[in-house]
Protein backbone atom coordinates (compact mmCIF):
# COMPACT_ATOMS: atom_id res chain seq x y z
CA UNK A 1 23.74 9.76 10.36
CA UNK A 2 20.45 8.81 9.91
CA UNK A 3 19.62 5.53 8.09
CA UNK A 4 16.70 6.97 6.53
CA UNK A 5 15.93 10.18 4.58
CA UNK A 6 12.10 11.37 4.29
CA UNK A 7 13.30 13.48 1.35
CA UNK A 8 14.48 11.06 -0.98
CA UNK A 9 13.14 10.37 -3.78
CA UNK A 10 15.29 7.25 -4.41
CA UNK A 11 16.10 5.53 -0.74
CA UNK A 12 17.94 3.02 -1.53
CA UNK A 13 22.16 3.33 -2.10
CA UNK A 14 24.16 0.18 -3.88
CA UNK A 15 26.80 -1.17 -1.70
CA UNK A 16 29.55 0.50 -4.76
CA UNK A 17 27.73 3.87 -3.64
CA UNK A 18 25.69 4.15 -6.52
CA UNK A 19 21.68 4.98 -6.35
CA UNK A 20 19.54 2.56 -7.25
CA UNK A 21 16.62 4.43 -9.13
CA UNK A 22 13.92 1.25 -9.23
CA UNK A 23 12.74 1.99 -5.83
CA UNK A 24 11.16 4.98 -5.06
CA UNK A 25 9.48 6.69 -1.87
CA UNK A 26 5.98 7.39 -3.15
CA UNK A 27 5.39 10.41 -1.03
CA UNK A 28 7.89 12.09 -2.80
CA UNK A 29 7.18 11.41 -6.42
CA UNK A 30 2.99 11.05 -6.27
CA UNK A 31 1.04 14.28 -6.94
CA UNK A 32 -2.19 13.67 -7.00
CA UNK A 33 -5.52 14.64 -5.57
CA UNK A 34 -6.73 11.09 -4.77
CA UNK A 35 -3.83 9.49 -3.43
CA UNK A 36 -3.00 9.86 0.56
CA UNK A 37 0.59 8.64 1.17
CA UNK A 38 2.55 8.44 4.21
CA UNK A 39 6.63 8.66 5.29
CA UNK A 40 8.98 5.70 3.95
CA UNK A 41 6.31 4.44 1.95
CA UNK A 42 8.06 2.84 -1.22
CA UNK A 43 7.25 1.33 -4.55
CA UNK A 44 9.71 -0.59 -6.82
CA UNK A 45 8.79 -0.09 -11.05
CA UNK A 46 11.06 0.49 -13.86
CA UNK A 47 9.37 3.74 -15.11
CA UNK A 48 9.65 7.24 -15.01
CA UNK A 49 9.16 8.72 -11.20
CA UNK A 50 6.57 11.15 -12.40
CA UNK A 51 4.51 8.09 -14.33
CA UNK A 52 4.52 6.48 -11.01
CA UNK A 53 1.18 7.25 -9.99
CA UNK A 54 -0.48 5.56 -12.89
CA UNK A 55 1.77 2.95 -12.94
CA UNK A 56 0.30 1.97 -8.99
CA UNK A 57 -3.35 2.97 -9.79
CA UNK A 58 -3.81 3.13 -13.12
CA UNK A 59 -7.14 3.55 -13.59
CA UNK A 60 -7.59 5.88 -10.42
CA UNK A 61 -8.19 9.36 -12.52
CA UNK A 62 -8.14 12.89 -11.05
CA UNK A 63 -11.92 13.49 -11.21
CA UNK A 64 -12.99 10.00 -9.41
CA UNK A 65 -14.93 9.61 -6.04
CA UNK A 66 -12.80 6.94 -4.43
CA UNK A 67 -9.13 7.21 -3.13
CA UNK A 68 -6.08 5.30 -2.09
CA UNK A 69 -4.52 5.80 1.29
CA UNK A 70 -1.57 4.37 2.29
CA UNK A 71 -0.10 4.16 5.18
CA UNK A 72 3.94 4.78 6.35
CA UNK A 73 6.57 2.06 5.82
CA UNK A 74 4.43 0.34 3.27
CA UNK A 75 6.52 -2.00 1.09
CA UNK A 76 5.41 -2.42 -2.28
CA UNK A 77 7.17 -4.71 -4.77
CA UNK A 78 7.96 -4.87 -8.45
CA UNK A 79 4.50 -5.66 -10.63
CA UNK A 80 1.73 -4.23 -7.64
CA UNK A 81 -0.91 -2.46 -8.78
CA UNK A 82 -4.01 -1.15 -7.54
CA UNK A 83 -7.67 -1.67 -9.36
CA UNK A 84 -9.92 1.55 -8.10
CA UNK A 85 -13.62 1.45 -8.09
CA UNK A 86 -13.31 3.85 -11.69
CA UNK A 87 -12.64 0.34 -12.68
CA UNK A 88 -15.66 -1.64 -11.88
CA UNK A 89 -17.97 -2.14 -14.69
CA UNK A 90 -22.15 -1.96 -14.15
CA UNK A 91 -23.17 -5.18 -13.11
CA UNK A 92 -27.02 -5.52 -12.45
CA UNK A 93 -28.50 -5.07 -15.36
CA UNK A 94 -28.18 -7.70 -18.40
CA UNK A 95 -24.75 -5.96 -19.84
CA UNK A 96 -21.51 -5.16 -18.02
CA UNK A 97 -20.10 -3.45 -21.18
CA UNK A 98 -19.45 0.30 -19.46
CA UNK A 99 -21.29 2.29 -22.52
CA UNK A 100 -21.49 5.48 -20.81
CA UNK A 101 -17.49 5.52 -20.41
CA UNK A 102 -17.37 7.37 -23.81
CA UNK A 103 -18.83 10.26 -22.88
CA UNK A 104 -17.95 12.91 -20.54
CA UNK A 105 -21.09 14.35 -19.16
CA UNK A 106 -21.93 10.43 -18.64
CA UNK A 107 -18.60 9.41 -17.72
CA UNK A 108 -17.84 7.75 -13.82
CA UNK A 109 -20.89 5.97 -13.09
CA UNK A 110 -21.97 7.83 -10.21
CA UNK A 111 -24.67 5.28 -9.69
CA UNK A 112 -22.28 2.63 -8.94
CA UNK A 113 -20.85 2.43 -5.14
CA UNK A 114 -17.49 3.39 -4.51
CA UNK A 115 -14.79 2.57 -1.64
CA UNK A 116 -11.47 3.92 -1.06
CA UNK A 117 -8.55 1.80 -0.97
CA UNK A 118 -6.67 1.58 2.48
CA UNK A 119 -3.52 0.25 3.50
CA UNK A 120 -2.36 0.50 6.77
CA UNK A 121 1.00 0.82 8.21
CA UNK A 122 4.01 -1.70 7.98
CA UNK A 123 2.57 -3.55 4.86
CA UNK A 124 4.20 -5.48 2.86
CA UNK A 125 2.58 -6.50 -0.86
CA UNK A 126 4.49 -9.40 -2.79
CA UNK A 127 5.59 -9.24 -6.34
CA UNK A 128 2.89 -9.07 -8.91
CA UNK A 129 0.00 -8.78 -6.55
CA UNK A 130 -3.29 -7.01 -7.40
CA UNK A 131 -5.25 -4.98 -4.83
CA UNK A 132 -8.78 -5.21 -6.14
CA UNK A 133 -11.20 -1.81 -5.08
CA UNK A 134 -12.46 -1.06 -1.45
CA UNK A 135 -10.02 -3.62 -0.19
CA UNK A 136 -8.77 -2.31 3.44
CA UNK A 137 -5.32 -4.06 4.22
CA UNK A 138 -4.52 -4.03 8.06
CA UNK A 139 -1.39 -2.58 9.11
CA UNK A 140 1.64 -5.32 9.87
CA UNK A 141 -0.26 -7.83 7.22
CA UNK A 142 1.92 -9.48 4.23
CA UNK A 143 0.93 -10.01 0.72
CA UNK A 144 2.28 -12.59 -0.91
CA UNK A 145 3.74 -12.10 -4.34
CA UNK A 146 0.92 -13.17 -7.37
CA UNK A 147 -1.97 -13.11 -4.35
CA UNK A 148 -5.44 -11.35 -5.61
CA UNK A 149 -6.45 -9.19 -2.73
CA UNK A 150 -10.55 -9.48 -3.04
CA UNK A 151 -11.29 -8.76 0.79
CA UNK A 152 -10.23 -7.03 3.29
CA UNK A 153 -7.00 -8.45 5.22
CA UNK A 154 -6.62 -7.92 9.28
CA UNK A 155 -3.91 -6.68 10.93
CA UNK A 156 -0.78 -8.68 10.85
CA UNK A 157 -2.30 -11.50 8.93
CA UNK A 158 -0.45 -13.54 5.55
CA UNK A 159 -2.80 -13.62 2.57
CA UNK A 160 -1.97 -15.50 -0.13
CA UNK A 161 -3.31 -16.83 -3.37
CA UNK A 162 -6.32 -16.02 -5.97
CA UNK A 163 -8.51 -14.94 -4.14
CA UNK A 164 -6.38 -14.02 -1.68
CA UNK A 165 -7.24 -16.16 1.41
CA UNK A 166 -5.40 -15.92 5.13
CA UNK A 167 -2.46 -18.46 5.81
CA UNK A 168 -1.86 -17.71 8.99
CA UNK A 169 -1.41 -14.92 11.22
CA UNK A 170 1.69 -13.55 12.18
CA UNK A 171 1.21 -13.26 16.43
CA UNK A 172 -1.51 -14.13 18.64
CA UNK A 173 -4.30 -12.03 19.02
CA UNK A 174 -2.68 -10.74 22.14
CA UNK A 175 0.57 -9.46 20.79
CA UNK A 176 -1.22 -7.85 17.43
CA UNK A 177 -3.17 -5.62 20.31
CA UNK A 178 -0.09 -4.69 21.88
CA UNK A 179 1.72 -3.78 18.51
CA UNK A 180 -1.48 -1.75 17.41
CA UNK A 181 -1.22 0.19 20.45
CA UNK A 182 2.08 0.60 20.51
CA UNK A 183 2.49 1.93 16.68
CA UNK A 184 5.72 2.32 15.99
CA UNK A 185 5.32 3.82 12.66
CA UNK A 186 4.59 6.82 14.55
CA UNK A 187 7.63 7.65 16.61
CA UNK A 188 9.51 10.17 15.67
CA UNK A 189 12.49 8.61 13.40
CA UNK A 190 15.21 8.88 15.35
CA UNK A 191 13.67 6.82 18.26
CA UNK A 192 12.68 4.36 15.30
CA UNK A 193 16.40 3.92 14.43
CA UNK A 194 16.89 4.04 18.28
CA UNK A 195 15.19 1.04 18.94
CA UNK A 196 15.73 -1.18 15.36
CA UNK A 197 17.36 -4.26 16.97
CA UNK A 198 14.20 -4.40 18.72
CA UNK A 199 11.99 -4.32 15.72
CA UNK A 200 14.05 -6.30 13.80
CA UNK A 201 14.27 -9.00 16.72
CA UNK A 202 10.43 -8.89 17.82
CA UNK A 203 11.74 -7.86 21.29
CA UNK A 204 8.18 -7.02 22.26
CA UNK A 205 9.31 -6.18 26.08
CA UNK A 206 11.88 -3.68 24.77
CA UNK A 207 9.32 -2.17 22.91
CA UNK A 208 7.01 -1.95 25.36
CA UNK A 209 9.48 0.45 27.48
CA UNK A 210 11.04 2.53 24.51
């Protein structure tokens, strides 16, 4: 029996056999035209599954221009959320008050720049982290709990703080390049599970010939 079920809503089964209902596979509970999610990416929250998109990205309306793109195998802890470009206020004049959101014909500030927010594959976002508009987080990165990510994060970086800064890189540049080239997250799930001992132990030599 496979370890992972891509079609599950609640992917975690507790030792006593009951489902842990606070964790959901995002792809199976989000139906939003501006959110794209890869397989096996999960989020933990205490709301209803059908409210997941609103909890995760509260300002991302269905008629906005930007997108939230989340890769495969992303792990998003409880309390995390994305502040997308639609939450921005105008800052080029003397007032930042969002006057034009109060009329449907002027809502959206089409003169304001927007950027997609993109989370790469196998990213871990820790408890209560906030991701700011237009940020791109590279594959394999780790975001420390309670961080505010206001700028792009390179692949396999560990970032933390407010604003989040790079605390360290998980691996040397040559290993990062090789991991990105291997791109294990694109393998069939049976191949991934067959290579779990090497993925979880950091056996790069074994992954090279997998």
